[in-house]
């Protein structure tokens, strides 16, 4: 997917994932709670997939812990860079689906 073709929700969902670790254990309400729940639901849905542990390893390194970029995470798993990029995108779309972002479909 080309960057220009992404919708506005893409960056918003990515920022939800990045904010998630800092929100664990906090009392949340309103939009912050809905965002937290969307990320948690995406994590659970990703873990249930056949290759869920490898997918979550990429997501944790790239989005949650922010210790690696996509090529670096792909080397650690190991998987191809294209596969890691696809898993990253799938996770962001999963968050969007659970948050009901407009224009997702």
Protein backbone atom coordinates (compact mmCIF):
# COMPACT_ATOMS: atom_id res chain seq x y z
CA UNK A 1 0.00 0.00 0.00
CA UNK A 2 1.44 3.34 -0.98
CA UNK A 3 1.66 6.02 1.71
CA UNK A 4 -0.52 8.44 -0.25
CA UNK A 5 -3.32 5.85 -0.41
CA UNK A 6 -3.57 5.54 3.39
CA UNK A 7 -6.53 7.03 5.14
CA UNK A 8 -6.33 9.43 8.07
CA UNK A 9 -7.13 6.64 10.52
CA UNK A 10 -3.82 4.89 9.74
CA UNK A 11 -1.66 7.31 11.74
CA UNK A 12 -4.28 7.53 14.47
CA UNK A 13 -4.36 3.75 14.94
CA UNK A 14 -0.57 3.60 14.86
CA UNK A 15 -0.43 6.21 17.64
CA UNK A 16 -2.97 4.18 19.65
CA UNK A 17 -0.61 1.19 19.51
CA UNK A 18 2.37 3.32 20.53
CA UNK A 19 0.46 4.79 23.48
CA UNK A 20 -0.77 1.38 24.68
CA UNK A 21 2.20 0.36 26.88
CA UNK A 22 2.01 3.62 28.85
CA UNK A 23 -1.69 3.13 29.52
CA UNK A 24 -1.48 -0.38 30.97
CA UNK A 25 -2.65 -0.29 34.60
CA UNK A 26 -4.05 3.24 34.40
CA UNK A 27 -7.64 4.21 35.10
CA UNK A 28 -8.97 5.24 31.70
CA UNK A 29 -12.28 6.59 30.50
CA UNK A 30 -13.84 7.95 27.37
CA UNK A 31 -11.81 7.88 24.18
CA UNK A 32 -8.64 6.75 25.96
CA UNK A 33 -10.47 3.66 27.24
CA UNK A 34 -11.93 2.90 23.79
CA UNK A 35 -8.46 3.21 22.23
CA UNK A 36 -6.92 0.94 24.87
CA UNK A 37 -9.64 -1.66 24.37
CA UNK A 38 -9.21 -1.55 20.58
CA UNK A 39 -5.49 -2.28 20.91
CA UNK A 40 -6.13 -5.06 23.44
CA UNK A 41 -8.69 -6.63 21.11
CA UNK A 42 -6.21 -6.41 18.22
CA UNK A 43 -3.54 -8.09 20.36
CA UNK A 44 -5.89 -10.94 21.27
CA UNK A 45 -7.03 -11.39 17.67
CA UNK A 46 -3.43 -11.42 16.47
CA UNK A 47 -2.34 -13.96 19.11
CA UNK A 48 -5.14 -16.33 18.02
CA UNK A 49 -3.82 -16.52 14.46
CA UNK A 50 -1.83 -19.53 13.31
CA UNK A 51 1.38 -17.47 13.24
CA UNK A 52 0.25 -15.16 16.03
CA UNK A 53 3.34 -15.36 18.24
CA UNK A 54 5.67 -14.36 15.40
CA UNK A 55 3.27 -11.57 14.38
CA UNK A 56 3.12 -10.27 17.94
CA UNK A 57 6.90 -10.36 18.20
CA UNK A 58 7.09 -8.00 15.20
CA UNK A 59 4.34 -5.77 16.62
CA UNK A 60 6.01 -5.60 20.02
CA UNK A 61 9.41 -4.71 18.58
CA UNK A 62 8.10 -2.13 16.09
CA UNK A 63 5.03 -0.56 17.71
CA UNK A 64 4.79 -1.38 21.40
CA UNK A 65 8.40 -1.38 22.63
CA UNK A 66 9.76 0.58 19.64
CA UNK A 67 13.13 -1.15 19.81
CA UNK A 68 13.37 -2.11 16.13
CA UNK A 69 12.29 -0.90 12.73
CA UNK A 70 10.51 -3.31 10.39
CA UNK A 71 13.67 -4.63 8.67
CA UNK A 72 15.36 -5.16 12.04
CA UNK A 73 12.34 -6.98 13.46
CA UNK A 74 12.21 -9.19 10.37
CA UNK A 75 15.82 -10.22 10.96
CA UNK A 76 15.09 -11.11 14.58
CA UNK A 77 12.01 -13.30 13.93
CA UNK A 78 13.26 -14.39 11.19
CA UNK A 79 10.90 -13.61 8.37
CA UNK A 80 11.09 -11.57 5.21
CA UNK A 81 10.87 -7.80 5.44
CA UNK A 82 7.76 -7.90 3.26
CA UNK A 83 6.10 -10.36 5.67
CA UNK A 84 6.96 -8.19 8.68
CA UNK A 85 5.56 -5.15 6.86
CA UNK A 86 2.35 -7.05 6.07
CA UNK A 87 1.98 -8.19 9.70
CA UNK A 88 2.55 -4.62 10.89
CA UNK A 89 -0.17 -3.37 8.52
CA UNK A 90 -2.55 -6.17 9.47
CA UNK A 91 -2.20 -5.21 13.14
CA UNK A 92 -2.94 -1.54 12.45
CA UNK A 93 -5.99 -2.52 10.39
CA UNK A 94 -7.09 -4.84 13.23
CA UNK A 95 -6.99 -1.89 15.64
CA UNK A 96 -9.01 0.18 13.19
CA UNK A 97 -11.62 -2.56 12.86
CA UNK A 98 -12.04 -2.78 16.64
CA UNK A 99 -12.15 1.01 16.98
CA UNK A 100 -14.61 1.32 14.07
CA UNK A 101 -12.60 3.92 12.18
CA UNK A 102 -14.54 5.63 9.40
CA UNK A 103 -13.42 4.83 5.89
CA UNK A 104 -11.82 1.50 6.77
CA UNK A 105 -13.78 -0.40 4.18
